[in-house]
Amino acid sequence: MSDDADAQAEAGTAEGQGSVEISEDLARHLENKREELFEKFEIPDGFPQEVLDEAEERTEGVQQEIADEADEREDLRDLTTWTTDPIDAQDFDDAISVEERDDEYVLWVHIADVTHYVNPETAMWDSAVERANTVYLPGYTIHMLPPVLAETVCSLVPNEDRLAHTVEMHLDKENLSYESIEIYKSVIRSDERLTYSQAENRLDEPDAPLHEENVLVHELADQMHEQRKEDGSLVLNPARDRAHTIIEECMLKANKAVTHTLMWDRGVEAMYRVHPQPSPDEWSKALQEIQDLDGVSIPGSTWDDPRKAVNATLEEAPGRQLDKIQWAVMKVMPRAKYMNDPFGGHHALNFEIYGHFTSPIRRLSDLINHWIVYQNDVPENLIKLCDRASDKQKDAEQCEREYKNFLQEVGLDPMAVNNRGIEVVDDDKAEKTL
């Protein structure tokens, strides 16, 4: 079985299992429910013509524009670079490169340079502020940016020159601390687009392209993951596969590097991600609920640090109890918010300073932080933008939750719909399965 066929089968995609078939009548019910939810949460479905026209115009003549930009940027086109995303990803906004040297690791995280195309003078920027994030419903996506832009010039597709914002991190081999951080505009050329399943396979196939690079970056990511846990970062999903670990840890390292640079080196406001901690009583309640689960025991040495207690318990608990442990923690966790200063830190990650930079195609916070890094200029309405991003993220999550509940009520499996998509067929052929 080829990498692609294997990945499709494992992911339960339409290619592997076929689309979820529904009747025309049920399709209308789903459409009506979406419209109801979009109105309830003030989520605009569809872009104004002005925004679409502007996006279309910015995709014209881009190869010459990129060539003209190359002289003004770091040229990283000869650096081995690749993306790793879900099999059904429509755009690729982050790529990685890695090297091991005698006394350091060098990790490059390349992020699509969205602000080259979308800036405060554009209608696309105003639209992004209104939307504040991409909303992902099973089988239906409401984009923050027009797909004609996000899926073309802002997508780091293989074998095409692309404009990027690169975070170059030199890491100490002993403790993985930042020896230096450089953030700059670049031109890159991705060598390959991997799915998560393909990345897993490459780790096990010595003769496959990018095998050595994936092995090296996994060794680095695994060290970063273990170090985070040791430092007290909460890890609610202990069984994550190697490919997801690579991407998660590299993006966390880059996000942390950027926001530390903004705060400590530049001393500027930005859209920081602040996560308050539960009260001691709330943590005690959660730990007691976990301790009372059948077959679960919190190691006595960890009770003084709730995050380490949860981590240690998840690693040893029976699989049937993992969801209950995670839910006990989530119930007492305050919502994280975007704020114009980082103080208070990110409790779950146990980071003193944290913010988002690696997903400017789908999050307003990242788009704003790209602009601040590039211009060193803070928007006058930054506090309002922080509140907007926080509120719309909450709306998106609630909208997704209610739509998933509705799918289950009408006999559809949200995960199957999400992975495989929907095909509308005659009533006598429709299947409400999965």
Protein backbone atom coordinates (compact mmCIF):
# COMPACT_ATOMS: atom_id res chain seq x y z
CA MET A 1 0.00 0.00 0.00
CA SER A 2 1.41 3.42 -0.91
CA ASP A 3 1.98 6.20 1.63
CA ASP A 4 -1.07 8.05 0.33
CA ALA A 5 -3.36 5.02 0.25
CA ASP A 6 -2.19 3.99 3.70
CA ALA A 7 -2.80 7.46 5.06
CA GLN A 8 -6.24 7.70 3.50
CA ALA A 9 -7.32 4.36 4.92
CA GLU A 10 -6.00 5.20 8.38
CA ALA A 11 -7.61 8.62 8.42
CA GLY A 12 -11.01 7.26 7.41
CA THR A 13 -11.21 9.71 4.54
CA ALA A 14 -13.60 9.73 1.59
CA GLU A 15 -10.81 8.17 -0.50
CA GLY A 16 -10.46 5.33 1.98
CA GLN A 17 -14.11 4.68 2.93
CA GLY A 18 -16.29 6.86 0.74
CA SER A 19 -18.26 9.97 1.66
CA VAL A 20 -21.03 9.92 4.26
CA GLU A 21 -24.25 9.69 2.22
CA ILE A 22 -27.30 11.69 3.28
CA SER A 23 -30.65 12.52 1.77
CA GLU A 24 -31.58 15.86 0.22
CA ASP A 25 -34.01 16.42 3.07
CA LEU A 26 -31.32 15.88 5.70
CA ALA A 27 -28.93 18.12 3.76
CA ARG A 28 -31.50 20.93 4.00
CA HIS A 29 -31.82 20.32 7.74
CA LEU A 30 -28.04 20.62 8.14
CA GLU A 31 -27.95 23.80 6.08
CA ASN A 32 -30.78 25.33 8.11
CA LYS A 33 -29.02 24.42 11.36
CA ARG A 34 -25.78 26.02 10.19
CA GLU A 35 -27.60 29.20 9.19
CA GLU A 36 -29.31 29.28 12.57
CA LEU A 37 -25.97 28.90 14.37
CA PHE A 38 -24.23 31.47 12.18
CA GLU A 39 -26.93 33.99 13.01
CA LYS A 40 -26.82 33.12 16.72
CA PHE A 41 -23.04 33.55 16.97
CA GLU A 42 -22.72 36.30 14.35
CA ILE A 43 -20.44 34.27 12.10
CA PRO A 44 -20.44 35.59 8.51
CA ASP A 45 -20.64 32.77 5.97
CA GLY A 46 -19.27 34.14 2.73
CA PHE A 47 -17.09 37.15 1.92
CA PRO A 48 -18.10 40.57 0.55
CA GLN A 49 -17.31 40.90 -3.14
CA GLU A 50 -14.75 43.62 -2.39
CA VAL A 51 -12.77 41.17 -0.26
CA LEU A 52 -12.96 38.41 -2.86
CA ASP A 53 -11.86 40.77 -5.64
CA GLU A 54 -8.95 42.02 -3.55
CA ALA A 55 -7.83 38.48 -2.73
CA GLU A 56 -8.06 37.45 -6.37
CA GLU A 57 -5.97 40.46 -7.41
CA ARG A 58 -3.25 39.61 -4.88
CA THR A 59 -2.80 36.17 -6.42
CA GLU A 60 -1.91 37.61 -9.83
CA GLY A 61 1.71 37.88 -10.93
CA VAL A 62 2.96 36.45 -7.64
CA GLN A 63 5.93 34.53 -9.02
CA GLN A 64 7.49 37.73 -10.35
CA GLU A 65 6.62 39.48 -7.09
CA ILE A 66 8.31 36.72 -5.08
CA ALA A 67 11.36 36.89 -7.36
CA ASP A 68 11.54 40.65 -6.83
CA GLU A 69 11.27 40.17 -3.05
CA ALA A 70 14.05 37.59 -2.90
CA ASP A 71 16.83 40.18 -2.93
CA GLU A 72 15.36 41.86 0.16
CA ARG A 73 14.96 38.67 2.20
CA GLU A 74 16.95 35.75 3.57
CA ASP A 75 17.12 33.21 0.77
CA LEU A 76 16.45 29.80 2.34
CA ARG A 77 15.42 28.00 -0.81
CA ASP A 78 18.39 25.61 -0.57
CA LEU A 79 17.56 24.68 3.03
CA THR A 80 15.81 21.31 3.35
CA THR A 81 12.26 22.22 4.36
CA TRP A 82 8.97 20.36 4.58
CA THR A 83 5.40 20.61 5.86
CA THR A 84 3.44 18.08 7.93
CA ASP A 85 -0.35 18.39 8.13
CA PRO A 86 -3.55 16.33 8.28
CA ILE A 87 -4.36 14.52 5.07
CA ASP A 88 -7.36 16.77 4.41
CA ALA A 89 -5.54 20.07 5.05
CA GLN A 90 -6.38 22.72 2.48
CA ASP A 91 -3.56 25.13 3.22
CA PHE A 92 -0.08 24.73 4.66
CA ASP A 93 0.97 27.73 6.73
CA ASP A 94 3.97 26.27 8.60
CA ALA A 95 7.09 24.36 7.56
CA ILE A 96 10.18 23.24 9.44
CA SER A 97 13.90 22.72 8.90
CA VAL A 98 16.45 21.31 11.34
CA GLU A 99 20.20 20.78 11.74
CA GLU A 100 22.36 19.24 14.45
CA ARG A 101 25.72 20.93 14.95
CA ASP A 102 28.59 20.16 17.31
CA ASP A 103 27.27 22.19 20.22
CA GLU A 104 23.71 23.11 19.26
CA TYR A 105 20.53 22.30 17.42
CA VAL A 106 19.23 24.79 14.88
CA LEU A 107 15.47 24.72 14.35
CA TRP A 108 13.79 26.84 11.70
CA VAL A 109 10.02 27.31 11.76
CA HIS A 110 8.79 29.00 8.59
CA ILE A 111 5.35 30.62 8.67
CA ALA A 112 3.50 31.90 5.61
CA ASP A 113 4.06 35.65 5.34
CA VAL A 114 0.37 36.52 5.27
CA THR A 115 0.93 40.17 6.18
CA HIS A 116 2.76 40.69 2.89
CA TYR A 117 -0.65 40.33 1.27
CA VAL A 118 -3.04 41.27 4.11
CA ASN A 119 -2.32 44.54 5.94
CA PRO A 120 -4.38 47.21 7.74
CA GLU A 121 -4.95 49.08 4.47
CA THR A 122 -6.82 46.16 2.90
CA ALA A 123 -10.43 45.03 3.00
CA MET A 124 -9.12 41.52 3.74
CA TRP A 125 -7.66 42.81 7.02
CA ASP A 126 -10.98 44.35 8.05
CA SER A 127 -12.73 41.09 7.19
CA ALA A 128 -10.20 39.09 9.23
CA VAL A 129 -10.79 41.36 12.23
CA GLU A 130 -14.54 40.81 11.89
CA ARG A 131 -14.19 37.04 11.70
CA ALA A 132 -11.18 36.72 14.08
CA ASN A 133 -10.66 33.04 13.33
CA THR A 134 -11.49 30.21 11.00
CA VAL A 135 -14.46 28.18 12.23
CA TYR A 136 -14.21 24.44 11.70
CA LEU A 137 -17.48 22.52 11.69
CA PRO A 138 -17.63 18.84 10.70
CA GLY A 139 -17.71 18.90 6.91
CA TYR A 140 -17.95 22.70 6.70
CA THR A 141 -15.37 25.48 7.16
CA ILE A 142 -15.87 29.24 7.51
CA HIS A 143 -12.50 30.77 6.65
CA MET A 144 -10.92 33.82 8.23
CA LEU A 145 -9.18 34.67 4.95
CA PRO A 146 -10.48 34.06 1.41
CA PRO A 147 -9.43 30.55 0.32
CA VAL A 148 -8.29 31.90 -3.06
CA LEU A 149 -5.46 33.61 -1.14
CA ALA A 150 -4.95 31.21 1.78
CA GLU A 151 -4.74 28.10 -0.39
CA THR A 152 -2.44 29.59 -3.04
CA VAL A 153 0.21 32.24 -2.38
CA CYS A 154 -0.08 31.87 1.42
CA SER A 155 0.23 28.09 1.30
CA LEU A 156 3.73 26.62 1.57
CA VAL A 157 3.21 24.04 -1.15
CA PRO A 158 6.17 21.95 -2.31
CA ASN A 159 8.46 22.96 -5.15
CA GLU A 160 7.19 26.55 -5.29
CA ASP A 161 8.96 29.67 -4.01
CA ARG A 162 6.99 31.20 -1.15
CA LEU A 163 7.36 34.26 1.08
CA ALA A 164 7.70 33.34 4.73
CA HIS A 165 8.34 34.72 8.20
CA THR A 166 11.09 32.52 9.65
CA VAL A 167 11.85 31.93 13.32
CA GLU A 168 15.44 30.64 13.54
CA MET A 169 16.23 29.16 16.95
CA HIS A 170 19.68 28.07 18.11
CA LEU A 171 19.15 25.67 21.00
CA ASP A 172 21.61 24.53 23.65
CA LYS A 173 22.11 20.77 23.42
CA GLU A 174 22.00 20.24 27.16
CA ASN A 175 18.86 22.09 28.22
CA LEU A 176 17.34 23.19 24.86
CA SER A 177 17.33 26.82 26.00
CA TYR A 178 17.50 29.53 23.36
CA GLU A 179 21.10 30.47 22.64
CA SER A 180 19.80 32.94 20.09
CA ILE A 181 16.54 33.77 18.32
CA GLU A 182 16.29 35.45 14.93
CA ILE A 183 12.98 36.39 13.30
CA TYR A 184 13.14 37.56 9.72
CA LYS A 185 11.44 37.64 6.35
CA SER A 186 12.53 34.85 4.02
CA VAL A 187 11.95 33.05 0.75
CA ILE A 188 11.62 29.28 1.08
CA ARG A 189 10.90 26.32 -1.16
CA SER A 190 9.32 23.34 0.55
CA ASP A 191 10.75 20.00 -0.56
CA GLU A 192 7.71 17.92 0.30
CA ARG A 193 4.23 17.99 1.83
CA LEU A 194 3.82 15.13 4.31
CA THR A 195 0.66 13.91 5.97
CA TYR A 196 0.94 12.80 9.59
CA SER A 197 0.77 9.15 8.52
CA GLN A 198 3.49 9.69 5.94
CA ALA A 199 5.69 11.37 8.53
CA GLU A 200 5.21 8.37 10.84
CA ASN A 201 6.24 6.06 8.01
CA ARG A 202 9.31 8.13 7.15
CA LEU A 203 10.55 7.77 10.72
CA ASP A 204 10.63 3.98 10.24
CA GLU A 205 11.99 3.83 6.66
CA PRO A 206 15.77 4.48 6.55
CA ASP A 207 15.85 4.74 2.76
CA ALA A 208 12.90 7.13 2.45
CA PRO A 209 13.32 10.83 1.60
CA LEU A 210 13.50 13.09 4.68
CA HIS A 211 14.02 10.07 6.96
CA GLU A 212 17.09 11.50 8.68
CA GLU A 213 15.53 14.94 9.04
CA ASN A 214 12.35 13.51 10.58
CA VAL A 215 14.32 11.29 12.96
CA LEU A 216 16.42 14.26 14.08
CA VAL A 217 13.49 16.61 14.59
CA HIS A 218 11.57 13.89 16.44
CA GLU A 219 14.50 13.34 18.81
CA LEU A 220 14.57 17.08 19.43
CA ALA A 221 10.78 17.34 19.80
CA ASP A 222 10.68 14.38 22.18
CA GLN A 223 13.31 16.05 24.37
CA MET A 224 11.33 19.31 24.32
CA HIS A 225 8.16 17.40 25.24
CA GLU A 226 9.78 15.61 28.17
CA GLN A 227 11.38 18.84 29.34
CA ARG A 228 8.02 20.62 29.28
CA LYS A 229 6.47 17.88 31.41
CA GLU A 230 9.38 18.00 33.83
CA ASP A 231 8.98 21.77 34.11
CA GLY A 232 5.29 21.38 34.95
CA SER A 233 3.49 21.79 31.62
CA LEU A 234 0.12 20.05 31.58
CA VAL A 235 -0.08 17.27 28.96
CA LEU A 236 -3.66 16.00 28.66
CA ASN A 237 -2.98 13.72 25.69
CA PRO A 238 -0.08 11.44 26.67
CA ALA A 239 -0.53 9.05 23.73
CA ARG A 240 0.04 11.52 20.89
CA ASP A 241 1.93 9.96 17.97
CA ARG A 242 5.43 11.01 16.92
CA ALA A 243 4.41 13.16 13.94
CA HIS A 244 1.96 15.22 16.01
CA THR A 245 4.60 15.57 18.73
CA ILE A 246 7.04 17.01 16.19
CA ILE A 247 4.65 19.69 14.98
CA GLU A 248 3.20 20.55 18.38
CA GLU A 249 6.59 20.98 20.06
CA CYS A 250 8.17 22.91 17.17
CA MET A 251 5.22 25.32 17.04
CA LEU A 252 5.22 25.80 20.82
CA LYS A 253 8.95 26.53 20.72
CA ALA A 254 8.50 29.08 17.93
CA ASN A 255 5.48 30.78 19.52
CA LYS A 256 7.35 31.07 22.80
CA ALA A 257 10.47 32.42 21.04
CA VAL A 258 8.53 35.15 19.24
CA THR A 259 6.61 36.38 22.26
CA HIS A 260 9.69 36.32 24.49
CA THR A 261 11.45 38.42 21.85
CA LEU A 262 8.56 40.88 21.70
CA MET A 263 8.40 41.23 25.48
CA TRP A 264 12.00 41.03 26.68
CA ASP A 265 13.99 42.28 23.67
CA ARG A 266 11.57 44.89 22.33
CA GLY A 267 9.34 45.56 25.32
CA VAL A 268 6.25 45.99 23.18
CA GLU A 269 2.64 45.09 23.65
CA ALA A 270 1.35 42.24 21.51
CA MET A 271 -1.47 39.70 21.52
CA TYR A 272 -0.27 37.46 24.31
CA ARG A 273 -2.06 34.29 25.35
CA VAL A 274 -2.82 34.38 29.07
CA HIS A 275 -4.24 31.37 30.88
CA PRO A 276 -5.22 31.92 34.54
CA GLN A 277 -4.83 29.08 36.99
CA PRO A 278 -7.68 27.43 38.89
CA SER A 279 -7.95 28.24 42.58
CA PRO A 280 -6.37 25.75 45.03
CA ASP A 281 -9.87 24.57 45.99
CA GLU A 282 -10.79 23.97 42.34
CA TRP A 283 -7.60 21.98 41.76
CA SER A 284 -8.26 19.96 44.92
CA LYS A 285 -11.78 19.19 43.73
CA ALA A 286 -10.47 18.02 40.34
CA LEU A 287 -7.75 15.83 41.86
CA GLN A 288 -10.19 14.24 44.30
CA GLU A 289 -12.61 13.49 41.44
CA ILE A 290 -9.74 11.84 39.57
CA GLN A 291 -8.58 9.89 42.62
CA ASP A 292 -12.10 8.50 43.11
CA LEU A 293 -12.22 6.94 39.61
CA ASP A 294 -12.10 3.16 39.49
CA GLY A 295 -8.59 1.87 38.83
CA VAL A 296 -6.99 5.33 39.11
CA SER A 297 -4.44 6.42 41.69
CA ILE A 298 -2.57 9.71 41.80
CA PRO A 299 1.09 9.14 42.75
CA GLY A 300 1.59 10.50 46.27
CA SER A 301 4.77 12.37 45.35
CA THR A 302 2.92 14.58 42.83
CA TRP A 303 -0.03 15.93 44.85
CA ASP A 304 1.75 19.22 45.58
CA ASP A 305 1.86 20.10 41.86
CA PRO A 306 -1.57 19.46 40.25
CA ARG A 307 -0.26 19.59 36.68
CA LYS A 308 2.43 16.99 37.38
CA ALA A 309 -0.14 14.94 39.29
CA VAL A 310 -2.44 14.87 36.27
CA ASN A 311 0.43 14.05 33.89
CA ALA A 312 1.62 11.15 36.02
CA THR A 313 -1.90 9.81 36.50
CA LEU A 314 -2.75 9.92 32.79
CA GLU A 315 0.35 7.87 31.98
CA GLU A 316 -0.69 5.05 34.34
CA ALA A 317 -4.50 5.19 34.28
CA PRO A 318 -6.64 2.61 32.42
CA GLY A 319 -7.58 3.77 28.94
CA ARG A 320 -11.29 3.72 29.80
CA GLN A 321 -10.72 6.50 32.36
CA LEU A 322 -8.67 8.93 30.25
CA ASP A 323 -11.67 10.96 29.06
CA LYS A 324 -12.98 11.27 32.62
CA ILE A 325 -9.60 12.48 33.90
CA GLN A 326 -9.34 15.02 31.11
CA TRP A 327 -12.89 16.25 31.73
CA ALA A 328 -12.26 16.64 35.48
CA VAL A 329 -9.37 18.96 34.64
CA MET A 330 -11.14 20.89 31.89
CA LYS A 331 -14.13 21.64 34.16
CA VAL A 332 -11.97 23.68 36.57
CA MET A 333 -9.75 25.36 33.99
CA PRO A 334 -10.50 29.05 33.33
CA ARG A 335 -10.66 30.12 29.70
CA ALA A 336 -7.43 31.38 28.18
CA LYS A 337 -7.66 34.93 26.81
CA TYR A 338 -5.73 37.21 24.51
CA MET A 339 -4.30 40.20 26.36
CA ASN A 340 -1.98 43.07 25.48
CA ASP A 341 0.54 42.09 28.14
CA PRO A 342 1.65 38.57 29.11
CA PHE A 343 1.74 38.89 32.85
CA GLY A 344 -0.06 36.09 34.57
CA GLY A 345 1.49 33.65 32.12
CA HIS A 346 0.02 30.52 30.63
CA HIS A 347 -0.87 28.17 33.48
CA ALA A 348 -1.53 24.98 31.50
CA LEU A 349 1.75 25.26 29.58
CA ASN A 350 3.57 26.68 32.61
CA PHE A 351 5.08 29.37 30.38
CA GLU A 352 5.80 32.77 31.87
CA ILE A 353 5.17 34.39 28.48
CA TYR A 354 3.30 32.90 25.55
CA GLY A 355 1.43 33.97 22.44
CA HIS A 356 0.46 32.77 18.96
CA PHE A 357 2.45 33.32 15.77
CA THR A 358 2.34 30.11 13.74
CA SER A 359 -1.17 30.19 12.23
CA PRO A 360 -1.83 33.60 10.61
CA ILE A 361 -4.15 32.05 8.02
CA ARG A 362 -6.69 30.96 10.64
CA ARG A 363 -6.16 33.13 13.77
CA LEU A 364 -6.36 36.91 14.11
CA SER A 365 -3.89 36.87 17.01
CA ASP A 366 -1.16 35.42 14.82
CA LEU A 367 -1.89 37.86 12.00
CA ILE A 368 -1.61 40.80 14.43
CA ASN A 369 1.60 39.46 15.95
CA HIS A 370 3.13 39.05 12.48
CA TRP A 371 2.36 42.70 11.83
CA ILE A 372 3.88 43.80 15.17
CA VAL A 373 7.05 41.75 14.57
CA TYR A 374 7.41 43.12 11.06
CA GLN A 375 6.54 46.77 11.72
CA ASN A 376 7.44 46.98 15.41
CA ASP A 377 4.24 48.98 15.52
CA VAL A 378 1.39 48.16 17.88
CA PRO A 379 -2.18 48.81 16.64
CA GLU A 380 -3.86 51.58 18.61
CA ASN A 381 -6.90 49.38 19.19
CA LEU A 382 -4.87 46.37 20.42
CA ILE A 383 -6.94 45.81 23.56
CA LYS A 384 -10.12 45.81 21.49
CA LEU A 385 -8.53 43.33 19.07
CA CYS A 386 -7.56 41.06 21.98
CA ASP A 387 -11.13 41.10 23.28
CA ARG A 388 -12.48 40.46 19.79
CA ALA A 389 -10.23 37.44 19.26
CA SER A 390 -11.10 35.99 22.68
CA ASP A 391 -14.85 36.46 22.20
CA LYS A 392 -14.95 35.04 18.68
CA GLN A 393 -12.89 32.02 19.69
CA LYS A 394 -15.47 31.29 22.38
CA ASP A 395 -18.27 31.71 19.82
CA ALA A 396 -16.53 29.37 17.37
CA GLU A 397 -16.08 26.67 19.99
CA GLN A 398 -19.71 26.89 21.10
CA CYS A 399 -20.93 26.85 17.50
CA GLU A 400 -18.87 23.74 16.78
CA ARG A 401 -20.14 22.06 19.95
CA GLU A 402 -23.79 22.72 19.11
CA TYR A 403 -23.41 21.61 15.50
CA LYS A 404 -21.75 18.35 16.57
CA ASN A 405 -24.60 17.71 18.99
CA PHE A 406 -27.10 18.32 16.21
CA LEU A 407 -25.31 15.87 13.90
CA GLN A 408 -25.54 13.21 16.59
CA GLU A 409 -29.24 13.96 17.09
CA VAL A 410 -29.93 13.26 13.41
CA GLY A 411 -27.88 10.06 13.43
CA LEU A 412 -24.56 11.25 11.99
CA ASP A 413 -21.10 10.71 13.46
CA PRO A 414 -19.35 14.14 13.56
CA MET A 415 -15.91 12.57 13.19
CA ALA A 416 -16.93 10.57 10.13
CA VAL A 417 -18.51 13.68 8.58
CA ASN A 418 -15.38 15.67 9.32
CA ASN A 419 -12.96 13.10 7.87
CA ARG A 420 -14.98 11.91 4.91
CA GLY A 421 -17.26 14.74 3.90
CA ILE A 422 -20.88 14.47 2.81
CA GLU A 423 -22.49 13.35 -0.44
CA VAL A 424 -26.15 14.14 -1.03
CA VAL A 425 -27.94 11.22 -2.72
CA ASP A 426 -31.48 10.11 -3.50
CA ASP A 427 -33.50 9.32 -0.41
CA ASP A 428 -33.55 5.58 -1.05
CA LYS A 429 -29.73 5.48 -1.22
CA ALA A 430 -29.00 7.71 1.72
CA GLU A 431 -27.15 6.18 4.62
CA LYS A 432 -27.21 7.58 8.07
CA THR A 433 -24.44 5.55 9.56
CA LEU A 434 -21.21 5.95 11.34
